[in-house]
Structure formats: C-alpha cells, structure tokens
Amino acid sequence: MEKKKQDKKNVFVIGLDDFNLSMLHHLPEAGYCRFLPAIKFEEIRGVSHFSIDDLIKTAEQRIAEAGSIDAIITYFDFPASVMVPLIAMKYNLDGPSITSVLKCEHKYWSRLEQKKVIPESIPAFTAFDPYDKKVWQKIDFQPPFWIKPVKSYHSYLAYRITDKDSFLNALEEVKEKIEYLTEPFSEILKKNKVPAKLSSMKQTMFAETEIGGIQGTVEGYVYNNEVIIYGIVDTIKEKHCPSLACYQYPSDLPYEVQYRMAELSRKVIEQIGLNNCAFNIEYFYDEETNDINLLEVNPRMSQSHAYMFEKVHGISHHHVIINLALGKRPKPLKYEGEFTLAGHFMLRAFNPGVIKKVPGKRKVDALKNKYSDLIIKINVKKGMHLDNMDEHHIDSYSYVLADIYLGADDENQLLKKYNTVVKELDICVSEDASS
C-alpha cells in the first residue's frame, strides 16, 4: 500500500479548497495524482494583507515536508496565478514564464500587448495616478468609461464613470483600498525583469472607454506553443447593473462570432508569449456593429466554469491544467456529460444590510435530493453584515449571497430549476443595517 502512495504524482495546488478538490477527485488523473495544498484557499482569500515572499516560503516548506513535487497548479487569480511560474521555475517544472503571466495580470501592460496585434478589438485606455489632484483633466476621453486597478480581480475597485462627481467619489474608495493589491503586486513586478516604466509607475489605476454587448469567455490552453481553444462560456449580467448574474455553457453565440473570438485569442496569446498554460479571455460582442472587443486576459482556467464543463463533457477542465503541469498534452473534451447545458448562478443582494435568515442543512439536503446535480455554496451566515463579507464575494455594486450550480437539457428547464432553488432557499436580507 505504501508503495502505491509513493508512486503517485505529487500535484501541489495554490489555493486548494474543498469545492475544487472534489472536482479534482472526479478526474481520471486522480488515480495517479495526489493533490496537496501548496497554499490553502483561506491563506489567500479573506486575509487583511499578504506577502508573496511569505506565501512562497510556506509553499516551499510544504513541498519539503512532502518530499517531492511533480506539478504546480492553480485555478485562482492573483496572487495564486503569479506564484505558479515562480514555483515551477524553482523546481524545474512545466509551466509558463513569469513575464508572460505578468503581461496578462498587469491590465495596463496587457492592453499595450493587445494593441500590437488586435488594435481594432480593444477600447481606448490610459493609466493614471489616483493620488494626482489633476487626474480628471488628464484623462483624454469622455464618460462613460471604466476605471480599474492595474491589478484586480472579480471587479474589485472597478467603477463605471458617468461624470466628474462619480469619478471623484470612486477615487475616495480606491485610495482607501488599492494598496491591498498594489503593494504585493509591485513586489513581484520589481523582482522579475519587468520594464522599469511599468514596475515603478505611480499610475496604479487605468481608465478605458466603455465596451458592451453580449459577453463570452474563451477557455483555452497553450501546449508547446500551440494555442488550443476548447470552449466558450456565456456571461450573463444583471439587468440593472454590471454585476454577473450567471455563466452558461456551451455558448449560445453565433458560430461565426465564436470563431472570431478564438482567432483573436490566438493572436493575443502568441503575442504575450504564454506557453504550457491554460487561459481564459473575456470578450463583448456588439450585435449592432458586429464588433468584438476584448475585456481581459487571465493566465489560468476559470474555476467558476468547472462544474459546467463537468456536467456537459463528463470531465471538468481541471483535466487541462493537470496535464499541462505534468508536461502532457490534454486530451480533447468530448460531449459525454449528464446534461447538454449547465449554469453557474450568483444569487446577489444589491444594497448593504444584515443577513436575517439562511437555510439550514436539512433544507439544503432536501434540495440536493430533489436535484441530484445541484451544488450550493452559501457565502453568508445569519447576522452577517454584507459589507463585512470576504472581498471575493463583493464587487462595486452587489454581494454574492450564494453560488448555485445546475445542469439541464435546455435553458427553460435550467431557469425553472434555478428559480425553484432560490425560492426554497429563502435567504433573507434586511436592508436596515442598524437592525
């Protein structure tokens, strides 16, 4: 028995959590891989501050305790995404270069690279210093536009600007919170051969003109410099604000649009130089103009899509990142899943308040018995103030009370199942924060 354990590959995960661990254990690769935490999820999310150097030291200690490492993976954004190439380089493992990952993660640098190959498919953009008292006058395009940190995730500190007042109000919150990400990100930039004009720039925010339309995300990977696209996911927004309502897979976009998104992705990934790595790229398709605009490039798989891939293909796209990290070409995904359509819904509240009621285990279990494919991740507890939630579940406009995953044979069935689940969960929020 001990011999079999030693024969297994040690696959270390940055941000290992129960949800994704269960997905990993469903894979055929689980037969010969042992999934170990290089860094645990709670060590990179919901913490008041973090240091990349300290996190890497923790990972190295755990690797030493295990005795060996055969692969390093993640399915999470910063800081996990930049740690993968650093650890892969230290242990001579397969993985992307740190420079290529930073070209994706640094949103302004990424735009500069995109402009070289697909200038017609990106918005106008400019970097700015949020502490500059004359910054409003220096942005050379008119509202509406968006402002974002050069390093962000899940729309953290991203705001739609409609006039000078909305800009100045947004900057007040930006200046309070931006160092949470910019300090550890700057730490990485300065240590990894990034051009000085980028690593030492005071312009920690950037603005870009508004793009819109139907949103889709291309999932793909690069193996030995060959770019492979294996899926496109629809991103559906809330009707009254920019927050995400749900993801659905496979995409319902016209095939011609999906093909163009795939071709744009190949050009950008080749320009950035990403290799032996999964990626996802978000786009907007404007039906009126037939234009496609790139929103952002992420040098990782999207774990938010994993359930949907498993339900449609019979295997999640964790399969892709494990094989790449082990130096193997991933096998093509076949349509062998339980359903033809799957969704990841985000049940949201849109105003601050206090959680007055959450479902107990008995109610959740009853729902799971009713829908065997259902997964529910409740992100709140009774008595919780929404403003005190983990920033991972908050954007500038709303709060994610629960993540709900479902499969179906068509969209009508999917939405019917979702609405039934939400009604029976009956999560209640009081918008009177003093209550």
Protein backbone atom coordinates (compact mmCIF):
# COMPACT_ATOMS: atom_id res chain seq x y z
CA MET A 1 0.00 0.00 0.00
CA GLU A 2 2.81 2.39 0.89
CA LYS A 3 4.48 1.70 -2.44
CA LYS A 4 1.33 2.77 -4.32
CA LYS A 5 1.20 6.03 -2.38
CA GLN A 6 4.79 6.80 -3.28
CA ASP A 7 4.12 6.05 -6.95
CA LYS A 8 1.50 8.77 -7.12
CA LYS A 9 2.44 12.16 -8.54
CA ASN A 10 2.51 15.00 -6.03
CA VAL A 11 0.42 17.76 -7.60
CA PHE A 12 0.57 20.87 -5.43
CA VAL A 13 -2.28 23.36 -5.61
CA ILE A 14 -2.14 27.07 -4.79
CA GLY A 15 -5.50 27.95 -3.25
CA LEU A 16 -6.70 24.40 -2.61
CA ASP A 17 -10.33 24.44 -1.47
CA ASP A 18 -12.98 21.78 -0.88
CA PHE A 19 -15.08 22.61 -3.95
CA ASN A 20 -12.23 22.30 -6.45
CA LEU A 21 -10.69 19.36 -4.58
CA SER A 22 -13.93 17.46 -5.14
CA MET A 23 -13.72 18.30 -8.86
CA LEU A 24 -10.11 17.10 -8.96
CA HIS A 25 -11.07 13.82 -7.32
CA HIS A 26 -13.62 13.18 -10.08
CA LEU A 27 -10.89 13.17 -12.74
CA PRO A 28 -9.24 10.03 -14.13
CA GLU A 29 -5.92 11.68 -13.21
CA ALA A 30 -6.89 11.27 -9.56
CA GLY A 31 -5.93 7.61 -9.95
CA TYR A 32 -2.27 8.52 -10.17
CA CYS A 33 -2.12 12.03 -8.64
CA ARG A 34 -2.19 13.18 -5.05
CA PHE A 35 -3.48 16.77 -4.65
CA LEU A 36 -1.71 18.66 -1.90
CA PRO A 37 -2.03 22.26 -0.67
CA ALA A 38 0.95 24.42 -1.52
CA ILE A 39 -1.24 27.26 -0.24
CA LYS A 40 -4.70 26.84 1.22
CA PHE A 41 -7.64 28.92 -0.02
CA GLU A 42 -8.07 30.68 3.32
CA GLU A 43 -4.44 31.82 3.18
CA ILE A 44 -5.03 33.96 0.08
CA ARG A 45 -8.69 35.00 0.38
CA GLY A 46 -10.33 36.90 3.19
CA VAL A 47 -6.97 37.95 4.67
CA SER A 48 -6.23 41.55 5.62
CA HIS A 49 -2.86 41.53 3.86
CA PHE A 50 -0.41 39.09 2.30
CA SER A 51 3.20 38.87 1.12
CA ILE A 52 4.15 36.89 -1.99
CA ASP A 53 7.54 36.02 -0.47
CA ASP A 54 5.91 34.67 2.70
CA LEU A 55 3.41 32.63 0.70
CA ILE A 56 6.16 31.11 -1.42
CA LYS A 57 8.13 30.20 1.72
CA THR A 58 5.05 28.45 3.08
CA ALA A 59 4.66 26.55 -0.19
CA GLU A 60 8.33 25.53 -0.19
CA GLN A 61 8.03 24.24 3.38
CA ARG A 62 5.03 22.07 2.46
CA ILE A 63 6.80 20.75 -0.62
CA ALA A 64 9.82 19.85 1.51
CA GLU A 65 7.59 18.06 4.02
CA ALA A 66 6.03 16.00 1.20
CA GLY A 67 9.47 15.07 -0.11
CA SER A 68 8.89 15.88 -3.79
CA ILE A 69 6.83 17.88 -6.25
CA ASP A 70 5.76 16.77 -9.73
CA ALA A 71 3.47 19.66 -10.71
CA ILE A 72 2.19 23.02 -9.52
CA ILE A 73 -1.27 24.31 -10.48
CA THR A 74 -3.88 26.90 -9.61
CA TYR A 75 -7.33 27.90 -10.76
CA PHE A 76 -7.37 31.23 -8.89
CA ASP A 77 -6.33 34.77 -9.76
CA PHE A 78 -3.64 36.85 -8.07
CA PRO A 79 -1.62 36.06 -6.03
CA ALA A 80 -2.00 32.37 -6.93
CA SER A 81 -1.57 32.90 -10.67
CA VAL A 82 1.81 34.60 -10.36
CA MET A 83 3.09 32.07 -7.83
CA VAL A 84 2.72 29.18 -10.29
CA PRO A 85 5.52 30.27 -12.67
CA LEU A 86 7.80 31.23 -9.77
CA ILE A 87 7.47 27.82 -8.11
CA ALA A 88 7.62 25.99 -11.46
CA MET A 89 10.89 27.78 -12.25
CA LYS A 90 12.41 26.98 -8.85
CA TYR A 91 11.67 23.25 -9.14
CA ASN A 92 12.26 22.96 -12.91
CA LEU A 93 8.64 22.07 -13.60
CA ASP A 94 6.50 22.64 -16.68
CA GLY A 95 4.69 25.96 -16.63
CA PRO A 96 4.51 29.44 -18.14
CA SER A 97 7.17 32.12 -17.77
CA ILE A 98 6.66 34.76 -15.10
CA THR A 99 6.98 37.50 -17.74
CA SER A 100 4.13 36.11 -19.84
CA VAL A 101 1.89 35.75 -16.79
CA LEU A 102 2.61 39.32 -15.69
CA LYS A 103 1.76 40.55 -19.18
CA CYS A 104 -1.70 39.13 -18.56
CA GLU A 105 -2.04 40.11 -14.91
CA HIS A 106 -0.91 43.73 -15.31
CA LYS A 107 -4.05 45.05 -17.01
CA TYR A 108 -2.34 48.12 -18.49
CA TRP A 109 0.65 46.13 -19.77
CA SER A 110 -1.75 43.58 -21.20
CA ARG A 111 -3.57 46.32 -23.13
CA LEU A 112 -0.25 47.52 -24.55
CA GLU A 113 0.45 43.99 -25.85
CA GLN A 114 -3.07 43.56 -27.21
CA LYS A 115 -2.81 46.86 -29.07
CA LYS A 116 0.14 45.50 -31.06
CA VAL A 117 -1.90 42.70 -32.65
CA ILE A 118 -5.64 43.46 -32.35
CA PRO A 119 -5.91 47.28 -32.09
CA GLU A 120 -9.39 47.24 -33.63
CA SER A 121 -10.72 44.97 -30.85
CA ILE A 122 -9.77 46.88 -27.70
CA PRO A 123 -11.07 50.13 -26.17
CA ALA A 124 -9.11 53.36 -25.80
CA PHE A 125 -7.21 53.29 -22.50
CA THR A 126 -4.81 55.27 -20.32
CA ALA A 127 -3.08 54.76 -16.96
CA PHE A 128 -3.38 57.29 -14.15
CA ASP A 129 -2.26 58.05 -10.60
CA PRO A 130 -5.29 58.06 -8.26
CA TYR A 131 -3.47 60.48 -5.93
CA ASP A 132 -2.88 63.06 -8.66
CA LYS A 133 -5.08 66.05 -7.84
CA LYS A 134 -5.41 66.96 -11.54
CA VAL A 135 -6.09 63.45 -12.77
CA TRP A 136 -9.60 64.20 -14.09
CA GLN A 137 -8.19 66.71 -16.58
CA LYS A 138 -5.56 64.21 -17.76
CA ILE A 139 -7.97 61.51 -18.95
CA ASP A 140 -8.35 62.26 -22.63
CA PHE A 141 -11.73 60.69 -23.34
CA GLN A 142 -15.24 61.46 -22.19
CA PRO A 143 -17.58 59.43 -19.95
CA PRO A 144 -18.97 56.90 -19.79
CA PHE A 145 -15.78 54.95 -19.12
CA TRP A 146 -14.48 52.45 -16.59
CA ILE A 147 -11.68 52.77 -14.08
CA LYS A 148 -9.85 49.75 -12.65
CA PRO A 149 -6.62 48.98 -10.78
CA VAL A 150 -3.79 47.75 -12.99
CA LYS A 151 -4.13 44.62 -10.85
CA SER A 152 -7.57 43.49 -9.76
CA TYR A 153 -9.90 40.52 -9.70
CA HIS A 154 -13.67 39.96 -9.58
CA SER A 155 -14.28 43.63 -10.49
CA TYR A 156 -12.58 44.72 -7.25
CA LEU A 157 -12.43 48.55 -7.27
CA ALA A 158 -13.82 48.70 -10.80
CA TYR A 159 -16.28 51.54 -11.38
CA ARG A 160 -18.35 52.83 -14.27
CA ILE A 161 -17.76 56.59 -14.50
CA THR A 162 -20.56 58.80 -15.78
CA ASP A 163 -19.28 62.26 -14.76
CA LYS A 164 -16.65 64.04 -12.68
CA ASP A 165 -18.54 63.53 -9.40
CA SER A 166 -18.81 59.74 -9.88
CA PHE A 167 -15.10 59.70 -10.72
CA LEU A 168 -14.05 61.61 -7.58
CA ASN A 169 -16.37 59.55 -5.37
CA ALA A 170 -14.91 56.31 -6.75
CA LEU A 171 -11.38 57.55 -6.14
CA GLU A 172 -12.12 58.05 -2.45
CA GLU A 173 -12.76 54.31 -2.04
CA VAL A 174 -9.90 53.44 -4.38
CA LYS A 175 -7.41 55.36 -2.25
CA GLU A 176 -8.66 53.59 0.88
CA LYS A 177 -8.31 50.06 -0.51
CA ILE A 178 -5.97 49.94 -3.51
CA GLU A 179 -2.78 49.16 -1.60
CA TYR A 180 -4.21 45.77 -0.61
CA LEU A 181 -3.38 44.53 -4.12
CA THR A 182 -0.87 47.03 -5.48
CA GLU A 183 1.71 46.51 -2.73
CA PRO A 184 2.17 42.74 -3.19
CA PHE A 185 1.84 43.13 -6.97
CA SER A 186 4.56 45.79 -7.05
CA GLU A 187 6.71 43.44 -5.00
CA ILE A 188 6.51 40.88 -7.82
CA LEU A 189 7.00 43.40 -10.64
CA LYS A 190 10.22 44.80 -9.18
CA LYS A 191 11.78 41.34 -8.75
CA ASN A 192 11.01 39.87 -12.17
CA LYS A 193 12.57 41.78 -15.07
CA VAL A 194 9.57 43.95 -15.78
CA PRO A 195 10.34 47.18 -17.70
CA ALA A 196 11.10 49.94 -15.21
CA LYS A 197 8.38 52.21 -16.63
CA LEU A 198 5.87 49.55 -15.54
CA SER A 199 7.38 48.25 -12.30
CA SER A 200 7.86 51.72 -10.79
CA MET A 201 4.90 53.56 -12.32
CA LYS A 202 2.74 55.63 -9.98
CA GLN A 203 -0.22 55.07 -12.28
CA THR A 204 -1.73 52.19 -10.35
CA MET A 205 -5.15 52.71 -11.96
CA PHE A 206 -6.23 52.83 -15.56
CA ALA A 207 -9.25 54.06 -17.46
CA GLU A 208 -10.76 52.65 -20.62
CA THR A 209 -13.70 53.56 -22.78
CA GLU A 210 -16.85 51.57 -22.29
CA ILE A 211 -17.47 48.43 -24.31
CA GLY A 212 -20.61 46.39 -24.17
CA GLY A 213 -22.82 43.80 -25.72
CA ILE A 214 -23.12 40.06 -25.19
CA GLN A 215 -20.28 38.74 -23.06
CA GLY A 216 -18.46 35.49 -23.73
CA THR A 217 -15.36 33.87 -22.28
CA VAL A 218 -12.95 31.78 -24.34
CA GLU A 219 -11.33 28.89 -22.44
CA GLY A 220 -8.12 27.53 -23.93
CA TYR A 221 -4.55 26.47 -23.33
CA VAL A 222 -1.11 26.52 -24.91
CA TYR A 223 0.93 23.35 -25.22
CA ASN A 224 4.41 23.59 -26.77
CA ASN A 225 3.44 26.97 -28.29
CA GLU A 226 0.28 25.59 -29.92
CA VAL A 227 -2.86 27.52 -28.91
CA ILE A 228 -5.94 25.33 -28.41
CA ILE A 229 -9.46 26.66 -27.82
CA TYR A 230 -11.80 24.11 -26.22
CA GLY A 231 -14.87 26.03 -25.04
CA ILE A 232 -16.73 29.34 -24.91
CA VAL A 233 -18.92 30.29 -21.96
CA ASP A 234 -21.71 32.89 -21.97
CA THR A 235 -21.55 35.52 -19.23
CA ILE A 236 -24.96 36.97 -18.42
CA LYS A 237 -25.16 40.25 -16.49
CA GLU A 238 -27.84 41.54 -14.15
CA LYS A 239 -30.37 43.70 -15.99
CA HIS A 240 -29.93 46.81 -13.83
CA CYS A 241 -26.18 46.79 -13.06
CA PRO A 242 -22.87 45.38 -14.38
CA SER A 243 -22.70 42.52 -11.83
CA LEU A 244 -22.69 38.92 -13.08
CA ALA A 245 -25.97 37.03 -12.91
CA CYS A 246 -24.71 33.69 -14.22
CA TYR A 247 -22.46 31.73 -16.54
CA GLN A 248 -23.94 29.29 -19.05
CA TYR A 249 -22.16 26.65 -21.12
CA PRO A 250 -21.96 25.92 -24.01
CA SER A 251 -22.21 29.40 -25.53
CA ASP A 252 -25.26 30.43 -27.49
CA LEU A 253 -23.29 32.97 -29.55
CA PRO A 254 -23.35 32.56 -33.35
CA TYR A 255 -20.65 30.14 -34.52
CA GLU A 256 -19.08 32.84 -36.69
CA VAL A 257 -18.66 35.06 -33.60
CA GLN A 258 -17.18 32.19 -31.60
CA TYR A 259 -14.70 31.54 -34.41
CA ARG A 260 -13.62 35.19 -34.44
CA MET A 261 -13.18 35.18 -30.67
CA ALA A 262 -10.99 32.10 -30.99
CA GLU A 263 -8.84 33.73 -33.68
CA LEU A 264 -8.40 36.92 -31.64
CA SER A 265 -7.39 34.78 -28.67
CA ARG A 266 -4.68 33.01 -30.66
CA LYS A 267 -3.17 36.32 -31.78
CA VAL A 268 -3.11 37.76 -28.26
CA ILE A 269 -1.74 34.66 -26.56
CA GLU A 270 1.02 34.30 -29.15
CA GLN A 271 1.93 37.98 -28.73
CA ILE A 272 2.09 37.66 -24.94
CA GLY A 273 4.20 34.51 -25.22
CA LEU A 274 2.13 32.40 -22.84
CA ASN A 275 3.11 28.72 -23.09
CA ASN A 276 2.28 25.45 -21.31
CA CYS A 277 -0.55 27.18 -19.52
CA ALA A 278 -4.34 27.41 -19.51
CA PHE A 279 -6.03 30.76 -20.11
CA ASN A 280 -9.43 32.38 -20.34
CA ILE A 281 -10.19 35.57 -22.26
CA GLU A 282 -13.33 37.64 -21.80
CA TYR A 283 -14.99 39.42 -24.74
CA PHE A 284 -18.00 41.57 -25.59
CA TYR A 285 -19.87 41.07 -28.86
CA ASP A 286 -21.89 44.05 -30.14
CA GLU A 287 -24.79 42.73 -32.21
CA GLU A 288 -25.49 46.13 -33.79
CA THR A 289 -21.97 46.80 -35.09
CA ASN A 290 -20.79 43.15 -35.28
CA ASP A 291 -17.68 44.24 -33.36
CA ILE A 292 -15.88 42.06 -30.83
CA ASN A 293 -13.93 43.76 -28.03
CA LEU A 294 -11.53 42.06 -25.64
CA LEU A 295 -12.14 42.76 -21.94
CA GLU A 296 -9.28 40.92 -20.19
CA VAL A 297 -6.84 38.01 -20.38
CA ASN A 298 -6.40 35.62 -17.44
CA PRO A 299 -3.45 33.15 -17.40
CA ARG A 300 -5.42 30.31 -15.77
CA MET A 301 -8.53 28.22 -16.20
CA SER A 302 -11.69 29.67 -14.70
CA GLN A 303 -12.72 27.51 -11.75
CA SER A 304 -16.12 29.22 -11.90
CA HIS A 305 -16.73 27.24 -15.10
CA ALA A 306 -15.51 23.85 -13.84
CA TYR A 307 -18.89 22.45 -12.79
CA MET A 308 -20.37 23.33 -16.19
CA PHE A 309 -17.60 21.58 -18.09
CA GLU A 310 -18.02 18.50 -15.92
CA LYS A 311 -21.79 18.37 -16.47
CA VAL A 312 -21.55 18.89 -20.24
CA HIS A 313 -18.34 16.97 -21.03
CA GLY A 314 -18.29 14.43 -18.22
CA ILE A 315 -14.99 15.88 -17.04
CA SER A 316 -14.02 19.31 -15.70
CA HIS A 317 -11.28 21.35 -17.35
CA HIS A 318 -9.09 20.78 -14.30
CA HIS A 319 -8.01 17.93 -16.58
CA VAL A 320 -6.33 20.54 -18.78
CA ILE A 321 -4.22 22.21 -16.11
CA ILE A 322 -3.09 18.95 -14.50
CA ASN A 323 -1.82 17.53 -17.78
CA LEU A 324 -0.10 20.76 -18.79
CA ALA A 325 1.63 20.92 -15.39
CA LEU A 326 2.82 17.33 -15.85
CA GLY A 327 4.17 18.15 -19.31
CA LYS A 328 1.44 16.26 -21.19
CA ARG A 329 -0.93 17.29 -23.97
CA PRO A 330 -4.50 17.37 -22.58
CA LYS A 331 -6.96 15.02 -24.26
CA PRO A 332 -9.81 16.65 -26.23
CA LEU A 333 -13.01 17.19 -24.26
CA LYS A 334 -15.93 15.10 -25.54
CA TYR A 335 -19.65 15.70 -25.01
CA GLU A 336 -20.17 12.82 -22.60
CA GLY A 337 -21.76 14.63 -19.67
CA GLU A 338 -25.12 14.24 -17.97
CA PHE A 339 -26.59 17.43 -19.48
CA THR A 340 -26.46 19.45 -22.68
CA LEU A 341 -26.46 22.78 -20.79
CA ALA A 342 -25.16 23.90 -17.41
CA GLY A 343 -25.16 27.09 -15.38
CA HIS A 344 -23.33 28.73 -12.51
CA PHE A 345 -25.67 31.29 -10.93
CA MET A 346 -24.73 34.03 -8.48
CA LEU A 347 -27.58 34.92 -6.11
CA ARG A 348 -26.99 38.57 -5.22
CA ALA A 349 -28.09 41.37 -2.92
CA PHE A 350 -27.69 44.89 -4.24
CA ASN A 351 -27.84 47.00 -1.09
CA PRO A 352 -25.95 46.86 2.23
CA GLY A 353 -27.75 45.05 5.00
CA VAL A 354 -27.74 42.23 7.51
CA ILE A 355 -28.47 38.55 6.85
CA LYS A 356 -31.65 37.68 8.74
CA LYS A 357 -32.22 34.12 7.54
CA VAL A 358 -30.17 31.36 5.90
CA PRO A 359 -31.25 27.79 5.10
CA GLY A 360 -30.17 25.02 7.40
CA LYS A 361 -28.50 21.78 6.37
CA ARG A 362 -31.83 19.93 6.26
CA LYS A 363 -33.27 22.34 3.68
CA VAL A 364 -30.12 22.27 1.55
CA ASP A 365 -30.01 18.47 1.66
CA ALA A 366 -33.69 18.31 0.64
CA LEU A 367 -32.92 20.47 -2.40
CA LYS A 368 -29.97 18.27 -3.30
CA ASN A 369 -32.19 15.22 -3.08
CA LYS A 370 -34.65 16.93 -5.40
CA TYR A 371 -31.93 17.86 -7.90
CA SER A 372 -29.05 15.38 -7.73
CA ASP A 373 -26.82 17.62 -9.86
CA LEU A 374 -27.25 20.67 -7.59
CA ILE A 375 -24.30 22.27 -5.83
CA ILE A 376 -24.90 25.19 -3.46
CA LYS A 377 -22.17 27.33 -1.88
CA ILE A 378 -23.73 29.69 0.67
CA ASN A 379 -21.41 32.63 1.32
CA VAL A 380 -23.22 34.25 4.25
CA LYS A 381 -24.25 33.48 7.83
CA LYS A 382 -27.13 34.72 9.93
CA GLY A 383 -26.29 38.09 11.47
CA MET A 384 -23.54 38.88 8.95
CA HIS A 385 -23.26 42.47 7.70
CA LEU A 386 -22.86 42.30 3.93
CA ASP A 387 -20.12 44.95 3.96
CA ASN A 388 -18.07 42.55 6.11
CA MET A 389 -18.14 39.75 3.54
CA ASP A 390 -14.96 38.39 2.00
CA GLU A 391 -13.98 40.74 -0.85
CA HIS A 392 -14.02 37.67 -3.11
CA HIS A 393 -17.84 37.80 -2.94
CA ILE A 394 -18.26 41.57 -3.36
CA ASP A 395 -17.98 43.82 -6.39
CA SER A 396 -18.62 47.56 -6.59
CA TYR A 397 -22.36 47.04 -6.99
CA SER A 398 -23.50 43.91 -5.17
CA TYR A 399 -22.90 40.98 -2.83
CA VAL A 400 -22.92 37.27 -3.78
CA LEU A 401 -25.07 35.53 -1.20
CA ALA A 402 -24.73 32.08 -2.76
CA ASP A 403 -23.28 30.29 -5.78
CA ILE A 404 -25.72 27.82 -7.33
CA TYR A 405 -24.70 25.22 -9.92
CA LEU A 406 -27.23 23.32 -12.03
CA GLY A 407 -27.47 21.29 -15.22
CA ALA A 408 -30.39 20.92 -17.66
CA ASP A 409 -31.40 19.82 -21.14
CA ASP A 410 -32.39 23.33 -22.25
CA GLU A 411 -32.45 26.91 -20.99
CA ASN A 412 -36.10 26.90 -19.90
CA GLN A 413 -35.53 23.86 -17.72
CA LEU A 414 -32.35 25.39 -16.31
CA LEU A 415 -34.04 28.64 -15.29
CA LYS A 416 -37.04 26.81 -13.84
CA LYS A 417 -34.76 24.70 -11.65
CA TYR A 418 -32.82 27.77 -10.54
CA ASN A 419 -35.91 29.79 -9.62
CA THR A 420 -37.25 26.86 -7.59
CA VAL A 421 -33.97 26.54 -5.71
CA VAL A 422 -33.82 30.27 -4.91
CA LYS A 423 -37.41 30.30 -3.66
CA GLU A 424 -36.86 27.31 -1.40
CA LEU A 425 -33.51 28.53 -0.08
CA ASP A 426 -35.24 31.69 1.13
CA ILE A 427 -32.13 33.67 2.13
CA CYS A 428 -33.40 36.90 3.73
CA VAL A 429 -31.56 40.22 3.96
CA SER A 430 -32.62 43.23 5.99
CA GLU A 431 -31.50 46.42 4.26
CA ASP A 432 -31.67 48.23 7.59
CA ALA A 433 -28.00 47.84 8.61
CA SER A 434 -28.77 49.00 12.14
CA SER A 435 -31.17 46.11 12.76
